[in-house]
Structure formats: structure tokens, C-alpha cells
Protein backbone atom coordinates (compact mmCIF):
# COMPACT_ATOMS: atom_id res chain seq x y z
CA UNK A 1 227.33 198.16 91.66
CA UNK A 2 228.53 194.76 90.51
CA UNK A 3 227.35 192.96 87.40
CA UNK A 4 225.61 189.63 88.00
CA UNK A 5 225.77 186.66 85.65
CA UNK A 6 223.92 183.37 85.40
CA UNK A 7 226.65 180.74 85.09
CA UNK A 8 224.69 177.52 85.46
CA UNK A 9 221.15 176.21 85.38
CA UNK A 10 219.32 172.94 85.93
CA UNK A 11 215.72 171.80 85.75
CA UNK A 12 213.32 168.97 86.51
CA UNK A 13 209.87 169.54 85.04
CA UNK A 14 206.95 168.00 83.14
CA UNK A 15 208.81 169.02 79.94
CA UNK A 16 211.92 167.06 80.87
CA UNK A 17 214.68 166.66 83.42
CA UNK A 18 217.52 168.50 81.72
CA UNK A 19 218.00 171.85 80.01
CA UNK A 20 218.51 170.21 76.61
CA UNK A 21 215.43 167.98 76.91
CA UNK A 22 213.27 170.90 78.02
CA UNK A 23 214.52 173.08 75.15
CA UNK A 24 213.79 170.34 72.62
CA UNK A 25 210.24 169.86 73.89
CA UNK A 26 209.66 173.61 74.09
CA UNK A 27 210.66 174.24 70.48
CA UNK A 28 208.78 171.17 69.24
CA UNK A 29 205.57 172.46 70.81
CA UNK A 30 205.20 169.60 73.27
CA UNK A 31 203.19 169.85 76.48
CA UNK A 32 203.81 168.19 79.82
CA UNK A 33 200.10 168.26 80.72
CA UNK A 34 198.25 164.95 80.94
CA UNK A 35 195.96 162.88 83.13
CA UNK A 36 196.08 163.43 86.89
CA UNK A 37 197.57 160.23 88.36
CA UNK A 38 199.20 161.34 91.62
CA UNK A 39 196.05 160.94 93.72
CA UNK A 40 196.27 157.17 93.37
CA UNK A 41 199.08 157.36 95.94
CA UNK A 42 196.65 158.51 98.62
CA UNK A 43 194.26 156.26 100.48
CA UNK A 44 191.33 158.64 100.15
CA UNK A 45 191.17 158.35 96.36
CA UNK A 46 191.25 155.38 94.04
CA UNK A 47 192.34 157.77 91.29
CA UNK A 48 191.40 160.91 89.45
CA UNK A 49 187.98 159.49 88.48
CA UNK A 50 186.84 160.30 92.03
CA UNK A 51 187.91 163.93 91.74
CA UNK A 52 186.52 166.80 89.65
CA UNK A 53 189.99 167.87 88.47
CA UNK A 54 191.24 165.51 85.76
CA UNK A 55 194.51 167.04 84.56
CA UNK A 56 197.94 167.83 85.97
CA UNK A 57 201.44 168.53 84.67
CA UNK A 58 203.36 165.76 86.45
CA UNK A 59 206.98 164.78 85.98
CA UNK A 60 207.18 161.97 83.46
CA UNK A 61 210.36 160.42 84.86
CA UNK A 62 211.86 160.21 88.32
CA UNK A 63 214.67 162.78 88.64
CA UNK A 64 218.22 161.46 88.61
CA UNK A 65 219.74 161.41 92.11
CA UNK A 66 223.02 159.80 91.05
CA UNK A 67 226.07 161.51 92.44
CA UNK A 68 224.23 162.52 95.61
CA UNK A 69 225.35 160.44 98.63
CA UNK A 70 222.65 158.01 99.74
CA UNK A 71 222.69 159.27 103.32
CA UNK A 72 221.94 162.79 102.06
CA UNK A 73 218.84 161.50 100.28
CA UNK A 74 217.15 160.35 103.47
CA UNK A 75 214.28 162.26 105.06
CA UNK A 76 213.72 164.51 102.07
CA UNK A 77 210.35 165.64 100.76
CA UNK A 78 209.50 165.42 97.07
CA UNK A 79 209.74 169.19 96.49
CA UNK A 80 213.21 169.30 98.06
CA UNK A 81 214.29 166.30 95.97
CA UNK A 82 213.30 168.22 92.85
CA UNK A 83 215.34 171.23 93.97
CA UNK A 84 218.32 169.06 94.84
CA UNK A 85 218.24 167.27 91.48
CA UNK A 86 218.00 170.52 89.53
CA UNK A 87 220.90 172.00 91.49
CA UNK A 88 222.99 168.86 91.07
CA UNK A 89 222.87 169.31 87.29
CA UNK A 90 224.85 172.53 87.72
CA UNK A 91 227.63 171.00 89.85
CA UNK A 92 227.87 174.09 92.09
CA UNK A 93 231.07 172.93 93.80
CA UNK A 94 233.01 173.83 90.64
CA UNK A 95 232.54 177.50 91.51
CA UNK A 96 234.42 177.31 94.81
CA UNK A 97 238.15 178.06 94.71
CA UNK A 98 239.51 176.84 98.09
CA UNK A 99 242.54 179.13 97.99
CA UNK A 100 240.53 182.28 97.25
CA UNK A 101 236.91 181.85 98.30
CA UNK A 102 235.12 182.31 101.61
CA UNK A 103 232.15 179.95 102.00
CA UNK A 104 230.37 182.66 104.01
CA UNK A 105 230.11 184.65 100.76
CA UNK A 106 228.26 181.77 99.06
CA UNK A 107 224.51 182.02 99.74
CA UNK A 108 221.31 180.06 99.08
CA UNK A 109 218.07 181.78 98.08
CA UNK A 110 214.99 179.67 97.36
CA UNK A 111 211.32 180.19 96.61
CA UNK A 112 208.71 177.63 97.64
CA UNK A 113 205.06 178.04 98.53
CA UNK A 114 203.79 174.63 99.62
CA UNK A 115 206.84 172.79 100.95
CA UNK A 116 206.12 169.17 101.76
CA UNK A 117 202.34 169.40 101.35
CA UNK A 118 202.24 165.93 99.79
CA UNK A 119 204.01 164.38 102.77
CA UNK A 120 201.72 166.26 105.14
CA UNK A 121 198.70 164.84 103.33
CA UNK A 122 200.16 161.35 103.55
CA UNK A 123 200.67 161.87 107.28
CA UNK A 124 197.04 162.97 107.60
CA UNK A 125 195.92 159.78 105.86
CA UNK A 126 197.92 157.80 108.42
CA UNK A 127 196.32 159.67 111.32
CA UNK A 128 192.83 159.16 109.90
CA UNK A 129 193.63 155.45 109.73
CA UNK A 130 194.87 155.64 113.35
CA UNK A 131 198.42 154.80 112.31
CA UNK A 132 200.56 156.83 114.68
CA UNK A 133 204.03 155.59 113.73
CA UNK A 134 204.98 158.83 111.96
CA UNK A 135 208.58 159.77 111.25
CA UNK A 136 209.38 162.53 113.76
CA UNK A 137 211.54 164.25 111.15
CA UNK A 138 208.41 164.93 109.08
CA UNK A 139 208.10 168.20 111.00
CA UNK A 140 211.50 169.21 109.64
CA UNK A 141 211.64 167.91 106.09
CA UNK A 142 208.21 169.29 105.09
CA UNK A 143 209.20 172.87 105.89
CA UNK A 144 209.70 175.01 102.76
CA UNK A 145 213.09 176.02 104.17
CA UNK A 146 214.27 172.41 104.52
CA UNK A 147 215.47 172.31 100.91
CA UNK A 148 218.06 175.02 101.55
CA UNK A 149 219.46 173.02 104.45
CA UNK A 150 219.76 169.96 102.22
CA UNK A 151 221.59 171.95 99.55
CA UNK A 152 224.08 173.19 102.13
CA UNK A 153 224.69 169.63 103.30
CA UNK A 154 225.12 168.11 99.86
CA UNK A 155 227.41 170.59 98.14
CA UNK A 156 230.74 170.40 99.91
CA UNK A 157 234.43 169.88 99.23
CA UNK A 158 236.23 167.35 101.42
CA UNK A 159 233.15 167.29 103.68
CA UNK A 160 233.34 171.06 104.17
CA UNK A 161 230.12 172.84 103.06
CA UNK A 162 230.72 175.63 100.57
CA UNK A 163 227.36 177.42 100.91
CA UNK A 164 227.54 178.64 104.51
CA UNK A 165 226.53 182.27 103.96
CA UNK A 166 223.05 183.75 103.99
CA UNK A 167 220.24 181.28 103.39
CA UNK A 168 216.71 182.56 102.87
CA UNK A 169 213.52 180.88 101.65
CA UNK A 170 210.80 183.14 100.27
CA UNK A 171 207.06 182.46 100.41
CA UNK A 172 205.53 185.13 98.15
CA UNK A 173 202.75 183.10 96.61
CA UNK A 174 203.39 182.02 93.03
CA UNK A 175 206.06 184.72 92.74
CA UNK A 176 208.20 183.01 95.40
CA UNK A 177 211.00 181.72 93.17
CA UNK A 178 211.22 184.95 91.18
CA UNK A 179 211.52 186.92 94.42
CA UNK A 180 214.25 184.55 95.62
CA UNK A 181 216.24 184.97 92.41
CA UNK A 182 215.73 188.72 92.48
CA UNK A 183 217.02 189.04 96.01
CA UNK A 184 220.02 186.80 95.26
CA UNK A 185 220.76 189.16 92.36
CA UNK A 186 220.58 192.16 94.66
CA UNK A 187 222.84 190.58 97.29
CA UNK A 188 225.57 189.98 94.71
CA UNK A 189 225.11 193.32 92.99
CA UNK A 190 225.60 195.25 96.21
CA UNK A 191 228.67 193.19 97.15
CA UNK A 192 227.33 191.30 100.18
CA UNK A 193 228.05 187.90 98.61
CA UNK A 194 229.95 186.61 95.57
CA UNK A 195 227.95 183.53 94.56
CA UNK A 196 224.33 182.42 94.99
CA UNK A 197 222.59 179.10 94.47
CA UNK A 198 219.03 180.17 93.77
CA UNK A 199 215.72 179.14 92.24
CA UNK A 200 212.71 177.25 93.50
CA UNK A 201 210.77 174.02 93.50
CA UNK A 202 207.31 172.67 94.20
CA UNK A 203 205.50 169.33 94.44
CA UNK A 204 201.96 170.59 95.10
CA UNK A 205 199.93 167.87 93.38
CA UNK A 206 198.19 166.59 96.50
CA UNK A 207 194.61 166.26 97.78
CA UNK A 208 194.76 169.39 99.90
CA UNK A 209 196.17 171.68 97.21
CA UNK A 210 193.94 170.34 94.46
CA UNK A 211 190.85 170.61 96.67
CA UNK A 212 191.25 174.20 97.78
CA UNK A 213 192.33 175.41 94.33
CA UNK A 214 189.37 173.60 92.78
CA UNK A 215 186.96 175.07 95.35
CA UNK A 216 188.45 178.48 94.65
CA UNK A 217 187.66 178.04 90.96
CA UNK A 218 191.31 178.42 89.94
CA UNK A 219 191.69 175.05 88.17
CA UNK A 220 190.25 173.88 84.88
CA UNK A 221 187.92 170.90 85.06
CA UNK A 222 188.33 170.06 81.40
CA UNK A 223 189.55 166.60 80.41
CA UNK A 224 191.67 167.41 77.36
CA UNK A 225 195.33 168.49 77.74
CA UNK A 226 194.84 171.52 75.48
CA UNK A 227 192.59 173.15 78.09
CA UNK A 228 195.49 175.25 79.38
CA UNK A 229 195.20 178.24 77.04
CA UNK A 230 196.56 181.51 78.46
CA UNK A 231 194.97 184.68 77.07
CA UNK A 232 192.44 182.65 75.05
CA UNK A 233 188.77 183.61 74.96
CA UNK A 234 187.75 180.17 76.28
CA UNK A 235 190.27 179.78 79.11
CA UNK A 236 188.67 178.54 82.32
CA UNK A 237 191.45 177.91 84.82
CA UNK A 238 194.97 176.56 85.09
CA UNK A 239 196.48 173.09 85.30
CA UNK A 240 198.53 172.39 88.41
CA UNK A 241 202.16 171.51 87.72
CA UNK A 242 205.35 170.69 89.60
CA UNK A 243 209.11 170.79 89.24
CA UNK A 244 212.16 172.91 90.04
CA UNK A 245 214.69 175.13 88.33
CA UNK A 246 217.97 176.20 89.88
CA UNK A 247 220.70 178.65 88.95
CA UNK A 248 224.14 179.75 90.01
CA UNK A 249 224.63 183.52 90.00
CA UNK A 250 228.07 185.09 90.25
CA UNK A 251 229.58 188.54 90.34
CA UNK A 252 231.65 189.51 87.34
CA UNK A 253 234.76 189.59 89.52
CA UNK A 254 234.21 186.04 90.71
CA UNK A 255 233.57 184.74 87.20
CA UNK A 256 236.84 186.27 85.99
CA UNK A 257 238.76 185.11 89.06
CA UNK A 258 238.00 181.47 88.28
CA UNK A 259 238.17 181.88 84.50
CA UNK A 260 234.51 180.99 84.09
CA UNK A 261 233.51 183.36 81.29
CA UNK A 262 232.50 180.43 79.07
CA UNK A 263 229.89 179.38 81.67
CA UNK A 264 227.84 182.57 81.29
CA UNK A 265 224.36 182.01 79.84
CA UNK A 266 222.82 185.41 80.64
CA UNK A 267 223.22 188.55 82.73
CA UNK A 268 220.53 189.66 85.18
CA UNK A 269 220.22 193.43 84.89
CA UNK A 270 216.95 194.36 86.57
CA UNK A 271 214.45 193.21 89.17
CA UNK A 272 211.50 194.61 91.07
CA UNK A 273 208.69 193.27 93.20
CA UNK A 274 205.47 194.90 94.39
CA UNK A 275 202.30 194.09 96.28
CA UNK A 276 198.94 195.49 95.15
CA UNK A 277 196.95 195.63 98.38
CA UNK A 278 193.84 194.83 96.34
CA UNK A 279 192.63 191.30 97.16
CA UNK A 280 193.71 187.95 98.57
CA UNK A 281 193.12 186.11 95.32
CA UNK A 282 192.13 188.51 92.52
CA UNK A 283 194.42 190.97 90.78
CA UNK A 284 193.63 194.61 90.24
CA UNK A 285 191.58 194.50 86.99
CA UNK A 286 194.03 196.81 85.22
CA UNK A 287 197.11 195.04 86.55
CA UNK A 288 198.35 197.94 88.66
CA UNK A 289 200.77 195.82 90.70
CA UNK A 290 202.27 194.09 87.67
CA UNK A 291 202.56 197.41 85.84
CA UNK A 292 204.49 198.87 88.76
CA UNK A 293 206.77 195.84 89.03
CA UNK A 294 207.64 195.93 85.33
CA UNK A 295 208.17 199.71 85.37
CA UNK A 296 210.43 199.52 88.42
CA UNK A 297 212.41 196.63 86.91
CA UNK A 298 213.07 198.72 83.78
CA UNK A 299 214.29 201.58 85.99
CA UNK A 300 216.46 199.14 87.94
CA UNK A 301 218.02 197.94 84.68
CA UNK A 302 218.34 201.55 83.47
CA UNK A 303 216.74 200.75 80.12
CA UNK A 304 213.65 201.95 78.31
CA UNK A 305 210.55 199.93 77.55
CA UNK A 306 211.58 199.73 73.90
CA UNK A 307 214.63 197.63 74.79
CA UNK A 308 212.54 194.60 75.81
CA UNK A 309 212.09 192.24 72.87
CA UNK A 310 210.05 189.55 74.59
CA UNK A 311 207.95 189.20 77.75
CA UNK A 312 207.44 185.74 79.24
CA UNK A 313 204.10 186.42 80.91
CA UNK A 314 202.90 184.86 84.12
CA UNK A 315 199.48 184.25 82.53
CA UNK A 316 198.14 180.97 83.92
CA UNK A 317 194.91 180.59 81.89
CA UNK A 318 192.59 182.26 84.40
CA UNK A 319 190.08 184.85 83.30
CA UNK A 320 191.04 187.64 85.70
CA UNK A 321 194.79 187.13 85.92
CA UNK A 322 195.53 186.89 82.20
CA UNK A 323 193.44 189.95 81.36
CA UNK A 324 194.96 192.08 84.13
CA UNK A 325 198.52 191.22 83.09
CA UNK A 326 197.77 191.91 79.43
CA UNK A 327 196.43 195.37 80.27
CA UNK A 328 199.53 196.10 82.36
CA UNK A 329 201.84 195.06 79.51
CA UNK A 330 199.88 197.15 76.99
CA UNK A 331 199.93 200.19 79.25
CA UNK A 332 203.70 200.04 79.75
CA UNK A 333 204.94 198.74 76.40
CA UNK A 334 202.20 199.42 73.88
CA UNK A 335 202.33 196.64 71.30
CA UNK A 336 206.14 196.65 71.21
CA UNK A 337 207.47 193.39 72.67
CA UNK A 338 206.31 189.92 71.71
CA UNK A 339 204.42 188.17 74.51
CA UNK A 340 203.72 184.55 75.34
CA UNK A 341 202.98 182.32 78.30
CA UNK A 342 204.57 178.89 78.66
CA UNK A 343 201.95 177.53 81.08
CA UNK A 344 200.45 175.46 78.27
CA UNK A 345 203.77 173.60 78.15
CA UNK A 346 204.46 173.23 81.87
CA UNK A 347 201.23 173.79 83.75
CA UNK A 348 201.44 176.14 86.72
CA UNK A 349 204.06 175.04 89.22
CA UNK A 350 202.98 177.65 91.76
CA UNK A 351 205.96 178.88 93.80
CA UNK A 352 208.47 177.38 91.36
CA UNK A 353 206.96 179.04 88.28
CA UNK A 354 209.24 182.08 88.35
CA UNK A 355 212.36 179.89 88.30
CA UNK A 356 211.13 177.54 85.58
CA UNK A 357 210.03 180.45 83.40
CA UNK A 358 213.28 182.35 83.89
CA UNK A 359 215.09 179.25 82.64
CA UNK A 360 212.77 179.09 79.62
CA UNK A 361 213.43 182.78 79.03
CA UNK A 362 217.19 182.18 79.07
CA UNK A 363 216.73 179.35 76.54
CA UNK A 364 214.72 181.79 74.40
CA UNK A 365 217.48 184.40 74.66
CA UNK A 366 220.14 181.79 73.83
CA UNK A 367 218.32 180.27 70.85
CA UNK A 368 216.79 183.49 69.44
CA UNK A 369 213.38 181.83 69.52
CA UNK A 370 210.14 182.89 71.19
CA UNK A 371 208.00 180.15 72.77
CA UNK A 372 204.46 179.80 71.52
CA UNK A 373 201.44 180.24 73.77
CA UNK A 374 200.03 176.77 73.30
CA UNK A 375 196.30 176.52 72.51
CA UNK A 376 195.81 180.28 72.10
CA UNK A 377 193.55 180.72 69.09
CA UNK A 378 191.36 183.72 69.85
CA UNK A 379 191.82 186.78 72.08
CA UNK A 380 188.72 188.67 73.17
CA UNK A 381 188.88 190.12 76.69
CA UNK A 382 192.66 190.62 76.88
CA UNK A 383 194.64 193.58 75.56
CA UNK A 384 195.80 193.74 71.96
CA UNK A 385 199.41 192.54 72.11
CA UNK A 386 201.88 190.80 69.83
CA UNK A 387 201.08 187.33 71.14
CA UNK A 388 203.24 184.43 69.96
CA UNK A 389 200.76 181.74 68.91
CA UNK A 390 200.72 178.37 67.14
CA UNK A 391 204.49 177.86 66.90
CA UNK A 392 207.79 179.40 68.08
CA UNK A 393 208.95 182.52 66.31
CA UNK A 394 212.53 183.44 65.37
CA UNK A 395 213.69 186.75 66.78
CA UNK A 396 217.08 188.15 67.75
CA UNK A 397 216.89 189.25 71.36
CA UNK A 398 218.98 191.38 73.67
CA UNK A 399 216.68 191.95 76.68
CA UNK A 400 213.92 189.65 77.94
CA UNK A 401 211.50 190.17 80.84
CA UNK A 402 210.01 187.34 82.92
CA UNK A 403 206.90 188.11 84.99
CA UNK A 404 205.49 186.37 88.07
CA UNK A 405 202.39 186.97 90.19
CA UNK A 406 200.86 185.32 93.22
CA UNK A 407 197.93 185.22 95.61
CA UNK A 408 198.12 188.07 98.07
CA UNK A 409 198.80 190.56 95.29
CA UNK A 410 202.51 189.81 94.82
CA UNK A 411 204.10 190.72 91.51
CA UNK A 412 207.67 190.56 90.25
CA UNK A 413 209.63 191.16 87.08
CA UNK A 414 213.14 189.98 86.19
CA UNK A 415 215.11 191.33 83.23
CA UNK A 416 217.89 189.34 81.61
CA UNK A 417 220.37 190.36 78.95
CA UNK A 418 222.26 188.41 76.34
CA UNK A 419 225.89 188.86 77.24
CA UNK A 420 228.38 190.16 74.69
CA UNK A 421 231.01 192.06 76.61
CA UNK A 422 232.58 190.26 79.58
């Protein structure tokens, strides 16, 4: 079994559009949550005043597309643009050694739940207004899998694509990106490929998504940005977010072949995913599926529960989900590891959450700091855990776990290690 290292990462998010900017905002306790403004782009709404949901975690600045050929930026949905920008920060072409590498052993693995839902909503507005001049390529560039095709087109050397191996897009609810990263890890570990470009992205802040999540009771209707409060007694729903995080994963042999040891930011050592079979939208009250995913991930990493120093929880600020995950963590770990959720910083970016939170977990591992659970002041119905509250906490870490869950009962856990011995 091969060792698998993270050798590059990029991000666009409500906390910032670079790893350094995101880290600075994370450690300074800043939040990307604010007023919902995106609906003003749609003809059905004059703005968020006409809608019961008032908050969203929107990108504050347009992602930088410089360095990407203009012709490759055409016919691209917002979610795919986010993914492309995050990947471009890594400069994946630097990993390809023309004299030694086979592009068929370079794969792309993405997670995305909604795809081009915003563009589909805009198309619906046009149809309602009896405007039938719709770009025929809309059917292509709104597919969740369209982002992988764009990545393969953009990253090339002398017009020859370097990622021509397996390409898979996963739709596992809000665990989609974590599942994509986990399967990329497995493909490299078993020797099927040498390098993976992996992660996920979402741009779900649209009338359709906001409406069905609001009707489901998943979103907070509060008007103050501190309303996202995972594990807190007064939590009442999550704030919808957006963004993308991307990574390059490499086998140890490939890292050494190109002399890239200095690029390593973490090692992925364990992964597992499960499905509960309990409900379409509600978790098992005791977190059975998450418990199993975490337990299997520990077995996959061949480490004990006591090795995990920090758990980045999926907790989104919903009553059922946060409680179920807390009970699962308590059952498996006791009160051992520190626990926090970063949703108060980023909102919930749905299918991209697992990628964004893995990146935040790597920053935590790198900086020996634990992110605070913003706005958590009182725990009542969740398990008694070592929650990180108020402000970041210094702690030397070796192993960190990042959890993800999604509608349909999907659960996943990724374990990363601080690397000392390449």
C-alpha cells in the first residue's frame, strides 16, 4: 500500500480566496456570513427583503481567473469557475514530468451536489418571461461533472492535457467532496494512479435551493450573522454558503521522483464512508452512521481513537444533526479529542463542505491551532465534549479527523497526519 500526500491546496470561499487569507480570517475569528444579496440577480426577487431567509455566506470578491486562457473561461457555470480558480492556485502542471509521467495515471475526482443550479434558475426565469434564446451549452455546463472536463482542458503542457486518467464526480449529498477526496486517496494508495486533482465546489445560493431548504426547515431565518452556532442550545438552522477547495494528492514515489518533498502539507492516512439507511433528511438520533464512518476510518489508518487530537465536525447548526454527531463522537472517543465546527466561519457550502473543511483541518495541523466554534456559548442537548469555543486554542497535533454528512444518510471521515518522515 502506497503512502499518499497532500502536496498542494487552493481555496475560494466566504473567508477569502487564498490559503493565507483564509488562515488569517480563521485565526482572527472572522466570519464570512452576511446579508443575502445574490437573489437580486434574479427577476423573481427584488432582493432578500422578499424572502424569509436573510443570511448567506457569499464570496466577498470575484475569484481571480488570471492565467486561465480566455477561451477556456467560456460557457462555465459559477460552481465550476470556483473549482477552476481554487485548482489554479495550486499550479497542477508543475507535478507532471514529461519524460517520466503518463497522463493516464493523473486523475480528477470531484464532489458537487448542485452543479449549475444558479444557471438553471436563470434559465427558468428566461422561460417564464418567454425568452427562448437560451445557450444550448447550458445543458452541458450546468452538469456537476462539467467542472472535471474544464479542469482537464485547462491544465496542459504544450496543449497536451495532463489529467487524462480516471475522472469521477461524486454526488453524495453534503459529503460529496469528502467522498471524492477519499476515493482519490484510495486510488493512489492501491497504485491505480500516481496523482489526483481532487476536491469540490458549490454555488448553491439560488432561489430553488434556498426555497426547498427553507421549506424543509434546514435554514436559519435569523437576521444577525452570529445565528450560525453549531452545538449551541439556541441553534435553529444553518446558513447557506458557497466556494471550492482543491488539492493535489501524490504517491510517495511520485513526490520523491520529482523532488517535491518540500510541497507536502499533510499525509492522508485513513478514510471511510457509510450510509445509515435511516431517513432521507434526518440522521439516526445517536449518530450510528457517523460513528461507523469514524470507527472504520481509524481502522483504515491503523490507529487508535486516542491518536486523534482534533475533530473538525460536520455540525451545521441544526438541532438533529449536531446532536447526533456529538453523540457519535462521544461514543467513539469519550471526551478525548478537541472538537469544533467551522460552519460559523464559512456557512454550509453543501457538497463542497468536506473539501473546505479538510483544508481548514490542514491549516490547523500546520499551525498547531484549533479553530473556535463561533457563537457557541451554551451546550444543552449535545454530548459533553471538549468543544473549542470563543477563540482558537493552541495544541500540538499529529492526527486530525474531518467529518462530513449529507442528506440520504451519507457519512464520511478523513484522517490526516502531520508529516515528519518522508
